[in-house]
Amino acid sequence: MDKPDHEEKKLIPDTCNCGRGRLRHGFTEYVTKVNDRVLVIKNVPALICDLCDEAYLSPKASREIDRIVQDFRQGKLLAKPIAAGEVELRMKEVAL
């Protein structure tokens, strides 16, 4: 069951995890790999950090993305083909 919009707004922060950025309303792209295909969902409403561009999705937007991915996975969604390239990051160790 969906929560009322005013309850979801309590879950969204006003500052970014980077520590200094402020969040503003905007739009982003959500990119995911489904099996061996890349799915790009455009015009996703989000709060976006004005310093690092980190995007924060509302629970409502996240649920809609889940629905789109499920429809795509089941072949119910016709998506426009895009050119994509895949590269592998090769590192021996990660510095922490």
PDB file of N, CA and C in Angstrom:
ATOM      1  N   MET A   1       0.845  -1.180   0.000  1.00  0.00           N
ATOM      2  CA  MET A   1       0.000   0.000   0.000  1.00  0.00           C
ATOM      3  C   MET A   1       0.892   1.247   0.000  1.00  0.00           C
ATOM      4  N   ASP A   2       0.570   2.187  -0.850  1.00  0.00           N
ATOM      5  CA  ASP A   2       1.357   3.411  -0.946  1.00  0.00           C
ATOM      6  C   ASP A   2       1.105   4.307   0.253  1.00  0.00           C
ATOM      7  N   LYS A   3       2.186   4.962   0.696  1.00  0.00           N
ATOM      8  CA  LYS A   3       2.067   5.935   1.778  1.00  0.00           C
ATOM      9  C   LYS A   3       1.642   7.272   1.188  1.00  0.00           C
ATOM     10  N   PRO A   4       0.937   8.090   1.962  1.00  0.00           N
ATOM     11  CA  PRO A   4       0.606   9.436   1.478  1.00  0.00           C
ATOM     12  C   PRO A   4       1.881  10.221   1.182  1.00  0.00           C
ATOM     13  N   ASP A   5       1.804  11.131   0.192  1.00  0.00           N
ATOM     14  CA  ASP A   5       2.975  11.912  -0.215  1.00  0.00           C
ATOM     15  C   ASP A   5       3.619  12.656   0.945  1.00  0.00           C
ATOM     16  N   HIS A   6       2.832  13.192   1.892  1.00  0.00           N
ATOM     17  CA  HIS A   6       3.421  13.958   2.988  1.00  0.00           C
ATOM     18  C   HIS A   6       4.272  13.060   3.890  1.00  0.00           C
ATOM     19  N   GLU A   7       3.963  11.762   3.990  1.00  0.00           N
ATOM     20  CA  GLU A   7       4.783  10.846   4.782  1.00  0.00           C
ATOM     21  C   GLU A   7       6.082  10.526   4.058  1.00  0.00           C
ATOM     22  N   GLU A   8       6.038  10.407   2.714  1.00  0.00           N
ATOM     23  CA  GLU A   8       7.236  10.111   1.959  1.00  0.00           C
ATOM     24  C   GLU A   8       8.220  11.268   2.007  1.00  0.00           C
ATOM     25  N   LYS A   9       7.740  12.495   2.056  1.00  0.00           N
ATOM     26  CA  LYS A   9       8.625  13.661   2.080  1.00  0.00           C
ATOM     27  C   LYS A   9       9.504  13.668   3.317  1.00  0.00           C
ATOM     28  N   LYS A  10       9.057  13.074   4.419  1.00  0.00           N
ATOM     29  CA  LYS A  10       9.854  13.008   5.635  1.00  0.00           C
ATOM     30  C   LYS A  10      11.097  12.152   5.435  1.00  0.00           C
ATOM     31  N   LEU A  11      11.062  11.223   4.457  1.00  0.00           N
ATOM     32  CA  LEU A  11      12.174  10.316   4.221  1.00  0.00           C
ATOM     33  C   LEU A  11      13.282  10.942   3.381  1.00  0.00           C
ATOM     34  N   ILE A  12      13.015  12.081   2.752  1.00  0.00           N
ATOM     35  CA  ILE A  12      13.973  12.697   1.841  1.00  0.00           C
ATOM     36  C   ILE A  12      14.795  13.754   2.580  1.00  0.00           C
ATOM     37  N   PRO A  13      16.136  13.621   2.548  1.00  0.00           N
ATOM     38  CA  PRO A  13      16.990  14.596   3.240  1.00  0.00           C
ATOM     39  C   PRO A  13      17.063  15.915   2.468  1.00  0.00           C
ATOM     40  N   ASP A  14      17.586  16.974   3.121  1.00  0.00           N
ATOM     41  CA  ASP A  14      17.781  18.244   2.413  1.00  0.00           C
ATOM     42  C   ASP A  14      19.258  18.534   2.176  1.00  0.00           C
ATOM     43  N   THR A  15      20.138  17.718   2.749  1.00  0.00           N
ATOM     44  CA  THR A  15      21.568  17.860   2.486  1.00  0.00           C
ATOM     45  C   THR A  15      22.119  16.536   1.969  1.00  0.00           C
ATOM     46  N   CYS A  16      23.172  16.623   1.186  1.00  0.00           N
ATOM     47  CA  CYS A  16      23.780  15.453   0.559  1.00  0.00           C
ATOM     48  C   CYS A  16      24.728  14.743   1.521  1.00  0.00           C
ATOM     49  N   ASN A  17      24.957  13.480   1.256  1.00  0.00           N
ATOM     50  CA  ASN A  17      25.919  12.708   2.048  1.00  0.00           C
ATOM     51  C   ASN A  17      27.355  13.182   1.851  1.00  0.00           C
ATOM     52  N   CYS A  18      27.620  13.976   0.828  1.00  0.00           N
ATOM     53  CA  CYS A  18      28.976  14.491   0.620  1.00  0.00           C
ATOM     54  C   CYS A  18      29.355  15.478   1.729  1.00  0.00           C
ATOM     55  N   GLY A  19      28.330  15.942   2.452  1.00  0.00           N
ATOM     56  CA  GLY A  19      28.588  16.787   3.610  1.00  0.00           C
ATOM     57  C   GLY A  19      28.427  18.273   3.397  1.00  0.00           C
ATOM     58  N   ARG A  20      28.470  18.729   2.159  1.00  0.00           N
ATOM     59  CA  ARG A  20      28.394  20.170   1.928  1.00  0.00           C
ATOM     60  C   ARG A  20      27.326  20.582   0.939  1.00  0.00           C
ATOM     61  N   GLY A  21      26.874  19.641   0.116  1.00  0.00           N
ATOM     62  CA  GLY A  21      25.937  19.981  -0.946  1.00  0.00           C
ATOM     63  C   GLY A  21      24.499  20.113  -0.470  1.00  0.00           C
ATOM     64  N   ARG A  22      23.777  20.973  -1.142  1.00  0.00           N
ATOM     65  CA  ARG A  22      22.343  21.142  -0.891  1.00  0.00           C
ATOM     66  C   ARG A  22      21.593  20.437  -2.014  1.00  0.00           C
ATOM     67  N   LEU A  23      20.459  19.865  -1.683  1.00  0.00           N
ATOM     68  CA  LEU A  23      19.676  19.140  -2.667  1.00  0.00           C
ATOM     69  C   LEU A  23      18.648  20.060  -3.319  1.00  0.00           C
ATOM     70  N   ARG A  24      18.495  19.905  -4.618  1.00  0.00           N
ATOM     71  CA  ARG A  24      17.520  20.688  -5.377  1.00  0.00           C
ATOM     72  C   ARG A  24      16.702  19.728  -6.228  1.00  0.00           C
ATOM     73  N   HIS A  25      15.483  20.135  -6.550  1.00  0.00           N
ATOM     74  CA  HIS A  25      14.634  19.306  -7.403  1.00  0.00           C
ATOM     75  C   HIS A  25      15.155  19.337  -8.829  1.00  0.00           C
ATOM     76  N   GLY A  26      15.143  18.184  -9.475  1.00  0.00           N
ATOM     77  CA  GLY A  26      15.590  18.092 -10.856  1.00  0.00           C
ATOM     78  C   GLY A  26      15.236  16.732 -11.428  1.00  0.00           C
ATOM     79  N   PHE A  27      15.910  16.378 -12.503  1.00  0.00           N
ATOM     80  CA  PHE A  27      15.673  15.111 -13.180  1.00  0.00           C
ATOM     81  C   PHE A  27      17.007  14.439 -13.446  1.00  0.00           C
ATOM     82  N   THR A  28      17.008  13.117 -13.451  1.00  0.00           N
ATOM     83  CA  THR A  28      18.212  12.343 -13.694  1.00  0.00           C
ATOM     84  C   THR A  28      17.871  11.177 -14.598  1.00  0.00           C
ATOM     85  N   GLU A  29      18.879  10.405 -14.962  1.00  0.00           N
ATOM     86  CA  GLU A  29      18.680   9.160 -15.683  1.00  0.00           C
ATOM     87  C   GLU A  29      19.029   8.007 -14.741  1.00  0.00           C
ATOM     88  N   TYR A  30      18.271   6.934 -14.851  1.00  0.00           N
ATOM     89  CA  TYR A  30      18.543   5.731 -14.072  1.00  0.00           C
ATOM     90  C   TYR A  30      19.020   4.668 -15.057  1.00  0.00           C
ATOM     91  N   VAL A  31      20.218   4.145 -14.849  1.00  0.00           N
ATOM     92  CA  VAL A  31      20.810   3.166 -15.754  1.00  0.00           C
ATOM     93  C   VAL A  31      21.017   1.868 -14.985  1.00  0.00           C
ATOM     94  N   THR A  32      20.560   0.753 -15.569  1.00  0.00           N
ATOM     95  CA  THR A  32      20.728  -0.546 -14.934  1.00  0.00           C
ATOM     96  C   THR A  32      20.944  -1.608 -16.001  1.00  0.00           C
ATOM     97  N   LYS A  33      21.522  -2.705 -15.598  1.00  0.00           N
ATOM     98  CA  LYS A  33      21.722  -3.831 -16.505  1.00  0.00           C
ATOM     99  C   LYS A  33      20.690  -4.891 -16.162  1.00  0.00           C
ATOM    100  N   VAL A  34      19.934  -5.328 -17.157  1.00  0.00           N
ATOM    101  CA  VAL A  34      18.929  -6.374 -16.991  1.00  0.00           C
ATOM    102  C   VAL A  34      19.366  -7.538 -17.872  1.00  0.00           C
ATOM    103  N   ASN A  35      19.808  -8.603 -17.230  1.00  0.00           N
ATOM    104  CA  ASN A  35      20.420  -9.734 -17.932  1.00  0.00           C
ATOM    105  C   ASN A  35      21.596  -9.202 -18.754  1.00  0.00           C
ATOM    106  N   ASP A  36      21.551  -9.304 -20.069  1.00  0.00           N
ATOM    107  CA  ASP A  36      22.673  -8.807 -20.880  1.00  0.00           C
ATOM    108  C   ASP A  36      22.336  -7.511 -21.607  1.00  0.00           C
ATOM    109  N   ARG A  37      21.264  -6.837 -21.178  1.00  0.00           N
ATOM    110  CA  ARG A  37      20.839  -5.596 -21.825  1.00  0.00           C
ATOM    111  C   ARG A  37      20.935  -4.426 -20.855  1.00  0.00           C
ATOM    112  N   VAL A  38      21.199  -3.254 -21.397  1.00  0.00           N
ATOM    113  CA  VAL A  38      21.258  -2.036 -20.602  1.00  0.00           C
ATOM    114  C   VAL A  38      19.932  -1.301 -20.762  1.00  0.00           C
ATOM    115  N   LEU A  39      19.361  -0.892 -19.630  1.00  0.00           N
ATOM    116  CA  LEU A  39      18.106  -0.143 -19.636  1.00  0.00           C
ATOM    117  C   LEU A  39      18.383   1.243 -19.072  1.00  0.00           C
ATOM    118  N   VAL A  40      18.011   2.276 -19.819  1.00  0.00           N
ATOM    119  CA  VAL A  40      18.152   3.655 -19.376  1.00  0.00           C
ATOM    120  C   VAL A  40      16.750   4.238 -19.227  1.00  0.00           C
ATOM    121  N   ILE A  41      16.426   4.691 -18.029  1.00  0.00           N
ATOM    122  CA  ILE A  41      15.149   5.343 -17.773  1.00  0.00           C
ATOM    123  C   ILE A  41      15.438   6.826 -17.658  1.00  0.00           C
ATOM    124  N   LYS A  42      14.870   7.611 -18.548  1.00  0.00           N
ATOM    125  CA  LYS A  42      15.150   9.042 -18.609  1.00  0.00           C
ATOM    126  C   LYS A  42      14.104   9.838 -17.845  1.00  0.00           C
ATOM    127  N   ASN A  43      14.455  11.066 -17.517  1.00  0.00           N
ATOM    128  CA  ASN A  43      13.544  12.032 -16.881  1.00  0.00           C
ATOM    129  C   ASN A  43      12.985  11.539 -15.552  1.00  0.00           C
ATOM    130  N   VAL A  44      13.841  10.951 -14.731  1.00  0.00           N
ATOM    131  CA  VAL A  44      13.433  10.474 -13.411  1.00  0.00           C
ATOM    132  C   VAL A  44      13.506  11.649 -12.435  1.00  0.00           C
ATOM    133  N   PRO A  45      12.383  11.996 -11.801  1.00  0.00           N
ATOM    134  CA  PRO A  45      12.425  13.095 -10.831  1.00  0.00           C
ATOM    135  C   PRO A  45      13.274  12.699  -9.625  1.00  0.00           C
ATOM    136  N   ALA A  46      14.096  13.630  -9.175  1.00  0.00           N
ATOM    137  CA  ALA A  46      15.005  13.334  -8.071  1.00  0.00           C
ATOM    138  C   ALA A  46      15.421  14.625  -7.378  1.00  0.00           C
ATOM    139  N   LEU A  47      15.991  14.470  -6.202  1.00  0.00           N
ATOM    140  CA  LEU A  47      16.695  15.571  -5.544  1.00  0.00           C
ATOM    141  C   LEU A  47      18.158  15.381  -5.892  1.00  0.00           C
ATOM    142  N   ILE A  48      18.807  16.434  -6.392  1.00  0.00           N
ATOM    143  CA  ILE A  48      20.165  16.330  -6.901  1.00  0.00           C
ATOM    144  C   ILE A  48      21.075  17.290  -6.154  1.00  0.00           C
ATOM    145  N   CYS A  49      22.220  16.782  -5.717  1.00  0.00           N
ATOM    146  CA  CYS A  49      23.192  17.593  -4.985  1.00  0.00           C
ATOM    147  C   CYS A  49      23.792  18.653  -5.913  1.00  0.00           C
ATOM    148  N   ASP A  50      23.852  19.890  -5.434  1.00  0.00           N
ATOM    149  CA  ASP A  50      24.397  20.973  -6.248  1.00  0.00           C
ATOM    150  C   ASP A  50      25.923  20.948  -6.319  1.00  0.00           C
ATOM    151  N   LEU A  51      26.589  20.074  -5.541  1.00  0.00           N
ATOM    152  CA  LEU A  51      28.045  19.967  -5.611  1.00  0.00           C
ATOM    153  C   LEU A  51      28.528  18.703  -6.316  1.00  0.00           C
ATOM    154  N   CYS A  52      27.994  17.543  -5.929  1.00  0.00           N
ATOM    155  CA  CYS A  52      28.523  16.286  -6.466  1.00  0.00           C
ATOM    156  C   CYS A  52      27.584  15.585  -7.455  1.00  0.00           C
ATOM    157  N   ASP A  53      26.406  16.129  -7.668  1.00  0.00           N
ATOM    158  CA  ASP A  53      25.407  15.578  -8.596  1.00  0.00           C
ATOM    159  C   ASP A  53      24.826  14.232  -8.179  1.00  0.00           C
ATOM    160  N   GLU A  54      25.029  13.820  -6.942  1.00  0.00           N
ATOM    161  CA  GLU A  54      24.383  12.599  -6.431  1.00  0.00           C
ATOM    162  C   GLU A  54      22.873  12.801  -6.499  1.00  0.00           C
ATOM    163  N   ALA A  55      22.147  11.770  -6.968  1.00  0.00           N
ATOM    164  CA  ALA A  55      20.697  11.863  -7.101  1.00  0.00           C
ATOM    165  C   ALA A  55      20.021  11.015  -6.030  1.00  0.00           C
ATOM    166  N   TYR A  56      18.997  11.581  -5.412  1.00  0.00           N
ATOM    167  CA  TYR A  56      18.200  10.890  -4.394  1.00  0.00           C
ATOM    168  C   TYR A  56      16.787  10.729  -4.939  1.00  0.00           C
ATOM    169  N   LEU A  57      16.325   9.470  -4.975  1.00  0.00           N
ATOM    170  CA  LEU A  57      15.002   9.180  -5.501  1.00  0.00           C
ATOM    171  C   LEU A  57      13.997   9.069  -4.365  1.00  0.00           C
ATOM    172  N   SER A  58      12.787   9.500  -4.627  1.00  0.00           N
ATOM    173  CA  SER A  58      11.715   9.328  -3.651  1.00  0.00           C
ATOM    174  C   SER A  58      11.265   7.872  -3.679  1.00  0.00           C
ATOM    175  N   PRO A  59      10.627   7.408  -2.627  1.00  0.00           N
ATOM    176  CA  PRO A  59      10.094   6.044  -2.652  1.00  0.00           C
ATOM    177  C   PRO A  59       9.124   5.836  -3.812  1.00  0.00           C
ATOM    178  N   LYS A  60       8.345   6.849  -4.151  1.00  0.00           N
ATOM    179  CA  LYS A  60       7.388   6.748  -5.255  1.00  0.00           C
ATOM    180  C   LYS A  60       8.120   6.556  -6.586  1.00  0.00           C
ATOM    181  N   ALA A  61       9.179   7.330  -6.834  1.00  0.00           N
ATOM    182  CA  ALA A  61       9.958   7.186  -8.066  1.00  0.00           C
ATOM    183  C   ALA A  61      10.645   5.824  -8.100  1.00  0.00           C
ATOM    184  N   SER A  62      11.146   5.368  -6.967  1.00  0.00           N
ATOM    185  CA  SER A  62      11.804   4.068  -6.892  1.00  0.00           C
ATOM    186  C   SER A  62      10.833   2.934  -7.227  1.00  0.00           C
ATOM    187  N   ARG A  63       9.614   3.029  -6.724  1.00  0.00           N
ATOM    188  CA  ARG A  63       8.605   2.003  -7.036  1.00  0.00           C
ATOM    189  C   ARG A  63       8.273   2.002  -8.527  1.00  0.00           C
ATOM    190  N   GLU A  64       8.195   3.178  -9.139  1.00  0.00           N
ATOM    191  CA  GLU A  64       7.901   3.262 -10.567  1.00  0.00           C
ATOM    192  C   GLU A  64       9.056   2.670 -11.383  1.00  0.00           C
ATOM    193  N   ILE A  65      10.288   2.919 -10.968  1.00  0.00           N
ATOM    194  CA  ILE A  65      11.453   2.321 -11.628  1.00  0.00           C
ATOM    195  C   ILE A  65      11.387   0.802 -11.510  1.00  0.00           C
ATOM    196  N   ASP A  66      11.064   0.284 -10.332  1.00  0.00           N
ATOM    197  CA  ASP A  66      10.935  -1.170 -10.143  1.00  0.00           C
ATOM    198  C   ASP A  66       9.900  -1.751 -11.098  1.00  0.00           C
ATOM    199  N   ARG A  67       8.780  -1.046 -11.282  1.00  0.00           N
ATOM    200  CA  ARG A  67       7.732  -1.515 -12.183  1.00  0.00           C
ATOM    201  C   ARG A  67       8.224  -1.535 -13.627  1.00  0.00           C
ATOM    202  N   ILE A  68       8.928  -0.484 -14.038  1.00  0.00           N
ATOM    203  CA  ILE A  68       9.455  -0.410 -15.403  1.00  0.00           C
ATOM    204  C   ILE A  68      10.470  -1.520 -15.649  1.00  0.00           C
ATOM    205  N   VAL A  69      11.372  -1.746 -14.692  1.00  0.00           N
ATOM    206  CA  VAL A  69      12.377  -2.809 -14.839  1.00  0.00           C
ATOM    207  C   VAL A  69      11.692  -4.170 -14.942  1.00  0.00           C
ATOM    208  N   GLN A  70      10.681  -4.406 -14.125  1.00  0.00           N
ATOM    209  CA  GLN A  70       9.948  -5.675 -14.179  1.00  0.00           C
ATOM    210  C   GLN A  70       9.276  -5.854 -15.541  1.00  0.00           C
ATOM    211  N   ASP A  71       8.624  -4.813 -16.039  1.00  0.00           N
ATOM    212  CA  ASP A  71       7.989  -4.878 -17.353  1.00  0.00           C
ATOM    213  C   ASP A  71       9.025  -5.128 -18.443  1.00  0.00           C
ATOM    214  N   PHE A  72      10.171  -4.488 -18.359  1.00  0.00           N
ATOM    215  CA  PHE A  72      11.250  -4.676 -19.333  1.00  0.00           C
ATOM    216  C   PHE A  72      11.748  -6.118 -19.288  1.00  0.00           C
ATOM    217  N   ARG A  73      11.959  -6.634 -18.092  1.00  0.00           N
ATOM    218  CA  ARG A  73      12.446  -8.001 -17.900  1.00  0.00           C
ATOM    219  C   ARG A  73      11.466  -9.021 -18.486  1.00  0.00           C
ATOM    220  N   GLN A  74      10.169  -8.735 -18.381  1.00  0.00           N
ATOM    221  CA  GLN A  74       9.135  -9.649 -18.870  1.00  0.00           C
ATOM    222  C   GLN A  74       8.795  -9.439 -20.345  1.00  0.00           C
ATOM    223  N   GLY A  75       9.469  -8.500 -20.997  1.00  0.00           N
ATOM    224  CA  GLY A  75       9.233  -8.253 -22.412  1.00  0.00           C
ATOM    225  C   GLY A  75       7.966  -7.461 -22.694  1.00  0.00           C
ATOM    226  N   LYS A  76       7.410  -6.809 -21.690  1.00  0.00           N
ATOM    227  CA  LYS A  76       6.177  -6.040 -21.854  1.00  0.00           C
ATOM    228  C   LYS A  76       6.440  -4.594 -22.269  1.00  0.00           C
ATOM    229  N   LEU A  77       7.693  -4.209 -22.322  1.00  0.00           N
ATOM    230  CA  LEU A  77       8.043  -2.817 -22.578  1.00  0.00           C
ATOM    231  C   LEU A  77       8.882  -2.731 -23.837  1.00  0.00           C
ATOM    232  N   LEU A  78       8.459  -1.907 -24.754  1.00  0.00           N
ATOM    233  CA  LEU A  78       9.217  -1.678 -25.972  1.00  0.00           C
ATOM    234  C   LEU A  78      10.175  -0.517 -25.714  1.00  0.00           C
ATOM    235  N   ALA A  79      11.452  -0.785 -25.768  1.00  0.00           N
ATOM    236  CA  ALA A  79      12.463   0.237 -25.501  1.00  0.00           C
ATOM    237  C   ALA A  79      13.236   0.536 -26.784  1.00  0.00           C
ATOM    238  N   LYS A  80      13.547   1.802 -26.969  1.00  0.00           N
ATOM    239  CA  LYS A  80      14.319   2.236 -28.129  1.00  0.00           C
ATOM    240  C   LYS A  80      15.760   1.742 -27.984  1.00  0.00           C
ATOM    241  N   PRO A  81      16.323   1.086 -28.997  1.00  0.00           N
ATOM    242  CA  PRO A  81      17.716   0.626 -28.917  1.00  0.00           C
ATOM    243  C   PRO A  81      18.675   1.821 -28.809  1.00  0.00           C
ATOM    244  N   ILE A  82      19.723   1.649 -28.033  1.00  0.00           N
ATOM    245  CA  ILE A  82      20.750   2.682 -27.890  1.00  0.00           C
ATOM    246  C   ILE A  82      22.121   2.053 -28.091  1.00  0.00           C
ATOM    247  N   ALA A  83      23.061   2.868 -28.493  1.00  0.00           N
ATOM    248  CA  ALA A  83      24.441   2.403 -28.582  1.00  0.00           C
ATOM    249  C   ALA A  83      25.041   2.458 -27.184  1.00  0.00           C
ATOM    250  N   ALA A  84      25.765   1.427 -26.813  1.00  0.00           N
ATOM    251  CA  ALA A  84      26.391   1.395 -25.494  1.00  0.00           C
ATOM    252  C   ALA A  84      27.744   0.715 -25.606  1.00  0.00           C
ATOM    253  N   GLY A  85      28.635   1.100 -24.757  1.00  0.00           N
ATOM    254  CA  GLY A  85      29.938   0.456 -24.690  1.00  0.00           C
ATOM    255  C   GLY A  85      30.151  -0.080 -23.291  1.00  0.00           C
ATOM    256  N   GLU A  86      30.886  -1.163 -23.185  1.00  0.00           N
ATOM    257  CA  GLU A  86      31.157  -1.753 -21.874  1.00  0.00           C
ATOM    258  C   GLU A  86      32.660  -1.884 -21.707  1.00  0.00           C
ATOM    259  N   VAL A  87      33.158  -1.395 -20.602  1.00  0.00           N
ATOM    260  CA  VAL A  87      34.575  -1.516 -20.274  1.00  0.00           C
ATOM    261  C   VAL A  87      34.686  -2.095 -18.869  1.00  0.00           C
ATOM    262  N   GLU A  88      35.814  -2.692 -18.596  1.00  0.00           N
ATOM    263  CA  GLU A  88      36.044  -3.290 -17.283  1.00  0.00           C
ATOM    264  C   GLU A  88      37.123  -2.501 -16.550  1.00  0.00           C
ATOM    265  N   LEU A  89      36.876  -2.198 -15.288  1.00  0.00           N
ATOM    266  CA  LEU A  89      37.857  -1.533 -14.450  1.00  0.00           C
ATOM    267  C   LEU A  89      38.759  -2.607 -13.855  1.00  0.00           C
ATOM    268  N   ARG A  90      40.029  -2.503 -14.110  1.00  0.00           N
ATOM    269  CA  ARG A  90      40.979  -3.518 -13.630  1.00  0.00           C
ATOM    270  C   ARG A  90      41.905  -2.871 -12.613  1.00  0.00           C
ATOM    271  N   MET A  91      41.718  -3.257 -11.363  1.00  0.00           N
ATOM    272  CA  MET A  91      42.554  -2.741 -10.278  1.00  0.00           C
ATOM    273  C   MET A  91      43.001  -3.921  -9.434  1.00  0.00           C
ATOM    274  N   LYS A  92      44.221  -3.864  -8.959  1.00  0.00           N
ATOM    275  CA  LYS A  92      44.712  -4.947  -8.102  1.00  0.00           C
ATOM    276  C   LYS A  92      44.205  -4.806  -6.678  1.00  0.00           C
ATOM    277  N   GLU A  93      44.062  -3.576  -6.223  1.00  0.00           N
ATOM    278  CA  GLU A  93      43.573  -3.354  -4.865  1.00  0.00           C
ATOM    279  C   GLU A  93      42.822  -2.029  -4.797  1.00  0.00           C
ATOM    280  N   VAL A  94      42.031  -1.914  -3.777  1.00  0.00           N
ATOM    281  CA  VAL A  94      41.284  -0.693  -3.557  1.00  0.00           C
ATOM    282  C   VAL A  94      41.841  -0.006  -2.337  1.00  0.00           C
ATOM    283  N   ALA A  95      42.252   1.238  -2.490  1.00  0.00           N
ATOM    284  CA  ALA A  95      42.768   2.002  -1.355  1.00  0.00           C
ATOM    285  C   ALA A  95      41.590   2.561  -0.573  1.00  0.00           C
ATOM    286  N   LEU A  96      41.598   2.356   0.720  1.00  0.00           N
ATOM    287  CA  LEU A  96      40.510   2.866   1.552  1.00  0.00           C
ATOM    288  C   LEU A  96      40.934   4.066   2.350  1.00  0.00           C
TER     289      LEU A  96
END
